[in-house]
Amino acid sequence: MNFAQSIVAILLTLSALVMIVTVLMQSSERTGIGAVSGAAETFFGKSKARGMDAKLALVTKICTGIFVAMSILMMLIG
């Protein structure tokens, strides 16, 4: 494996790990049984979470783009 392949492999692995972490950190769209008992978040808590989820979604999209680009580059180099 040459130097270019090593760099692309490292970037591919890092983008995959960051993508996995950001997807796992995003909150679920379901409220579940907590909504029945009144344990659902307040209005202000939801807007705060939505802002954080928007940032996580953006990071996920960027990492996905990097992942796809590095996968294609790895195929072309290899």
N, C-alpha and C. Protein backbone atom coordinates (compact mmCIF):
# COMPACT_ATOMS: atom_id res chain seq x y z
N MET A 1 0.86 -1.18 0.00
CA MET A 1 0.00 0.00 0.00
C MET A 1 0.90 1.24 0.00
N ASN A 2 0.70 2.11 -0.96
CA ASN A 2 1.53 3.30 -1.04
C ASN A 2 1.00 4.42 -0.13
N PHE A 3 1.68 5.54 -0.16
CA PHE A 3 1.36 6.66 0.74
C PHE A 3 -0.04 7.22 0.48
N ALA A 4 -0.42 7.37 -0.78
CA ALA A 4 -1.74 7.93 -1.11
C ALA A 4 -2.85 7.00 -0.63
N GLN A 5 -2.68 5.71 -0.80
CA GLN A 5 -3.68 4.76 -0.34
C GLN A 5 -3.80 4.78 1.19
N SER A 6 -2.67 4.96 1.87
CA SER A 6 -2.70 5.02 3.33
C SER A 6 -3.47 6.24 3.82
N ILE A 7 -3.23 7.38 3.21
CA ILE A 7 -3.93 8.62 3.59
C ILE A 7 -5.42 8.49 3.33
N VAL A 8 -5.80 7.96 2.16
CA VAL A 8 -7.21 7.80 1.82
C VAL A 8 -7.87 6.80 2.77
N ALA A 9 -7.16 5.73 3.12
CA ALA A 9 -7.71 4.74 4.04
C ALA A 9 -7.94 5.34 5.43
N ILE A 10 -7.02 6.17 5.88
CA ILE A 10 -7.17 6.83 7.19
C ILE A 10 -8.36 7.78 7.17
N LEU A 11 -8.48 8.60 6.11
CA LEU A 11 -9.61 9.52 5.98
C LEU A 11 -10.93 8.77 5.87
N LEU A 12 -10.92 7.66 5.17
CA LEU A 12 -12.12 6.84 5.02
C LEU A 12 -12.56 6.28 6.38
N THR A 13 -11.61 5.79 7.14
CA THR A 13 -11.92 5.24 8.46
C THR A 13 -12.40 6.32 9.42
N LEU A 14 -11.74 7.46 9.43
CA LEU A 14 -12.15 8.56 10.32
C LEU A 14 -13.54 9.07 9.97
N SER A 15 -13.82 9.23 8.68
CA SER A 15 -15.14 9.71 8.30
C SER A 15 -16.22 8.69 8.66
N ALA A 16 -15.92 7.41 8.54
CA ALA A 16 -16.89 6.38 8.92
C ALA A 16 -17.16 6.41 10.42
N LEU A 17 -16.12 6.55 11.22
CA LEU A 17 -16.29 6.59 12.67
C LEU A 17 -17.07 7.82 13.11
N VAL A 18 -16.76 8.98 12.54
CA VAL A 18 -17.48 10.21 12.89
C VAL A 18 -18.94 10.10 12.46
N MET A 19 -19.18 9.51 11.30
CA MET A 19 -20.54 9.34 10.81
C MET A 19 -21.33 8.41 11.75
N ILE A 20 -20.73 7.35 12.21
CA ILE A 20 -21.40 6.43 13.14
C ILE A 20 -21.74 7.14 14.44
N VAL A 21 -20.79 7.90 14.97
CA VAL A 21 -21.01 8.58 16.25
C VAL A 21 -22.10 9.64 16.12
N THR A 22 -22.08 10.42 15.04
CA THR A 22 -23.10 11.46 14.89
C THR A 22 -24.49 10.89 14.68
N VAL A 23 -24.59 9.78 13.97
CA VAL A 23 -25.91 9.15 13.79
C VAL A 23 -26.43 8.64 15.13
N LEU A 24 -25.55 8.04 15.92
CA LEU A 24 -25.98 7.52 17.22
C LEU A 24 -26.33 8.63 18.21
N MET A 25 -25.74 9.81 18.06
CA MET A 25 -26.02 10.92 18.97
C MET A 25 -27.32 11.65 18.65
N GLN A 26 -27.84 11.48 17.44
CA GLN A 26 -29.09 12.15 17.07
C GLN A 26 -30.24 11.56 17.85
N SER A 27 -31.17 12.43 18.23
CA SER A 27 -32.31 11.95 19.01
C SER A 27 -33.32 11.28 18.09
N SER A 28 -34.11 10.41 18.69
CA SER A 28 -35.11 9.67 17.95
C SER A 28 -36.29 10.58 17.63
N GLU A 29 -36.98 10.30 16.55
CA GLU A 29 -38.16 11.07 16.16
C GLU A 29 -39.39 10.62 16.94
N ARG A 30 -39.33 9.48 17.57
CA ARG A 30 -40.46 8.94 18.32
C ARG A 30 -40.44 9.47 19.75
N THR A 31 -41.60 9.77 20.28
CA THR A 31 -41.67 10.19 21.68
C THR A 31 -41.85 9.00 22.59
N GLY A 32 -42.39 7.92 22.09
CA GLY A 32 -42.53 6.70 22.86
C GLY A 32 -43.59 6.80 23.94
N ILE A 33 -43.49 5.96 24.93
CA ILE A 33 -44.48 5.88 26.00
C ILE A 33 -44.38 7.08 26.94
N GLY A 34 -43.28 7.81 26.91
CA GLY A 34 -43.10 8.97 27.79
C GLY A 34 -44.11 10.07 27.51
N ALA A 35 -44.61 10.16 26.29
CA ALA A 35 -45.59 11.19 25.95
C ALA A 35 -46.92 10.93 26.65
N VAL A 36 -47.24 9.69 26.91
CA VAL A 36 -48.50 9.35 27.56
C VAL A 36 -48.47 9.78 29.03
N SER A 37 -47.34 9.56 29.68
CA SER A 37 -47.24 9.87 31.11
C SER A 37 -46.87 11.32 31.38
N GLY A 38 -46.66 12.11 30.35
CA GLY A 38 -46.31 13.51 30.54
C GLY A 38 -44.82 13.75 30.66
N ALA A 39 -44.03 12.79 30.33
CA ALA A 39 -42.58 12.94 30.45
C ALA A 39 -41.94 13.53 29.20
N ALA A 40 -42.75 13.98 28.26
CA ALA A 40 -42.22 14.56 27.03
C ALA A 40 -41.54 15.88 27.35
N GLU A 41 -40.61 16.28 26.48
CA GLU A 41 -39.88 17.52 26.70
C GLU A 41 -40.78 18.73 26.54
N THR A 42 -40.35 19.83 27.14
CA THR A 42 -41.09 21.07 26.99
C THR A 42 -40.77 21.69 25.64
N PHE A 43 -41.47 22.78 25.34
CA PHE A 43 -41.26 23.45 24.05
C PHE A 43 -39.82 23.94 23.91
N PHE A 44 -39.27 24.52 24.96
CA PHE A 44 -37.92 25.07 24.88
C PHE A 44 -36.88 23.96 24.78
N GLY A 45 -37.10 22.86 25.43
CA GLY A 45 -36.19 21.73 25.33
C GLY A 45 -36.16 21.14 23.94
N LYS A 46 -37.33 21.14 23.29
CA LYS A 46 -37.39 20.60 21.94
C LYS A 46 -36.64 21.49 20.95
N SER A 47 -36.76 22.80 21.09
CA SER A 47 -36.07 23.68 20.15
C SER A 47 -34.57 23.59 20.34
N LYS A 48 -34.13 23.41 21.56
CA LYS A 48 -32.70 23.24 21.82
C LYS A 48 -32.20 21.94 21.20
N ALA A 49 -32.98 20.87 21.38
CA ALA A 49 -32.60 19.59 20.81
C ALA A 49 -32.62 19.64 19.29
N ARG A 50 -33.60 20.36 18.74
CA ARG A 50 -33.69 20.46 17.30
C ARG A 50 -32.47 21.17 16.74
N GLY A 51 -31.96 22.18 17.44
CA GLY A 51 -30.76 22.88 17.00
C GLY A 51 -29.56 21.96 17.01
N MET A 52 -29.43 21.16 18.07
CA MET A 52 -28.32 20.22 18.16
C MET A 52 -28.47 19.12 17.12
N ASP A 53 -29.71 18.66 16.90
CA ASP A 53 -29.93 17.64 15.88
C ASP A 53 -29.63 18.18 14.49
N ALA A 54 -29.91 19.44 14.26
CA ALA A 54 -29.61 20.04 12.96
C ALA A 54 -28.10 20.07 12.73
N LYS A 55 -27.35 20.40 13.76
CA LYS A 55 -25.89 20.41 13.64
C LYS A 55 -25.35 19.00 13.42
N LEU A 56 -25.90 18.04 14.16
CA LEU A 56 -25.47 16.66 13.99
C LEU A 56 -25.83 16.14 12.60
N ALA A 57 -26.99 16.53 12.09
CA ALA A 57 -27.39 16.11 10.74
C ALA A 57 -26.45 16.70 9.69
N LEU A 58 -26.04 17.95 9.90
CA LEU A 58 -25.10 18.58 8.97
C LEU A 58 -23.75 17.86 8.98
N VAL A 59 -23.25 17.55 10.17
CA VAL A 59 -21.98 16.83 10.29
C VAL A 59 -22.10 15.45 9.64
N THR A 60 -23.24 14.80 9.82
CA THR A 60 -23.46 13.49 9.22
C THR A 60 -23.43 13.58 7.70
N LYS A 61 -24.07 14.61 7.15
CA LYS A 61 -24.08 14.79 5.69
C LYS A 61 -22.68 15.06 5.16
N ILE A 62 -21.92 15.88 5.85
CA ILE A 62 -20.55 16.17 5.42
C ILE A 62 -19.69 14.91 5.46
N CYS A 63 -19.80 14.16 6.55
CA CYS A 63 -19.03 12.92 6.68
C CYS A 63 -19.44 11.88 5.63
N THR A 64 -20.72 11.87 5.30
CA THR A 64 -21.18 10.95 4.26
C THR A 64 -20.58 11.32 2.91
N GLY A 65 -20.53 12.60 2.61
CA GLY A 65 -19.91 13.06 1.37
C GLY A 65 -18.43 12.71 1.31
N ILE A 66 -17.73 12.93 2.41
CA ILE A 66 -16.31 12.58 2.48
C ILE A 66 -16.13 11.08 2.33
N PHE A 67 -17.00 10.31 2.99
CA PHE A 67 -16.92 8.85 2.92
C PHE A 67 -17.09 8.35 1.48
N VAL A 68 -18.10 8.89 0.79
CA VAL A 68 -18.34 8.47 -0.60
C VAL A 68 -17.18 8.88 -1.50
N ALA A 69 -16.69 10.11 -1.32
CA ALA A 69 -15.57 10.59 -2.14
C ALA A 69 -14.32 9.76 -1.90
N MET A 70 -14.03 9.45 -0.64
CA MET A 70 -12.84 8.65 -0.33
C MET A 70 -12.99 7.21 -0.82
N SER A 71 -14.21 6.68 -0.79
CA SER A 71 -14.44 5.33 -1.31
C SER A 71 -14.18 5.27 -2.81
N ILE A 72 -14.68 6.28 -3.53
CA ILE A 72 -14.44 6.33 -4.97
C ILE A 72 -12.97 6.53 -5.26
N LEU A 73 -12.32 7.41 -4.52
CA LEU A 73 -10.89 7.65 -4.70
C LEU A 73 -10.07 6.40 -4.41
N MET A 74 -10.45 5.67 -3.37
CA MET A 74 -9.75 4.43 -3.03
C MET A 74 -9.89 3.40 -4.16
N MET A 75 -11.08 3.36 -4.76
CA MET A 75 -11.30 2.43 -5.87
C MET A 75 -10.43 2.82 -7.06
N LEU A 76 -10.34 4.12 -7.35
CA LEU A 76 -9.56 4.58 -8.49
C LEU A 76 -8.06 4.39 -8.26
N ILE A 77 -7.61 4.62 -7.02
CA ILE A 77 -6.18 4.46 -6.73
C ILE A 77 -5.78 2.99 -6.73
N GLY A 78 -6.65 2.16 -6.14
CA GLY A 78 -6.33 0.73 -5.99
C GLY A 78 -6.45 0.03 -7.30
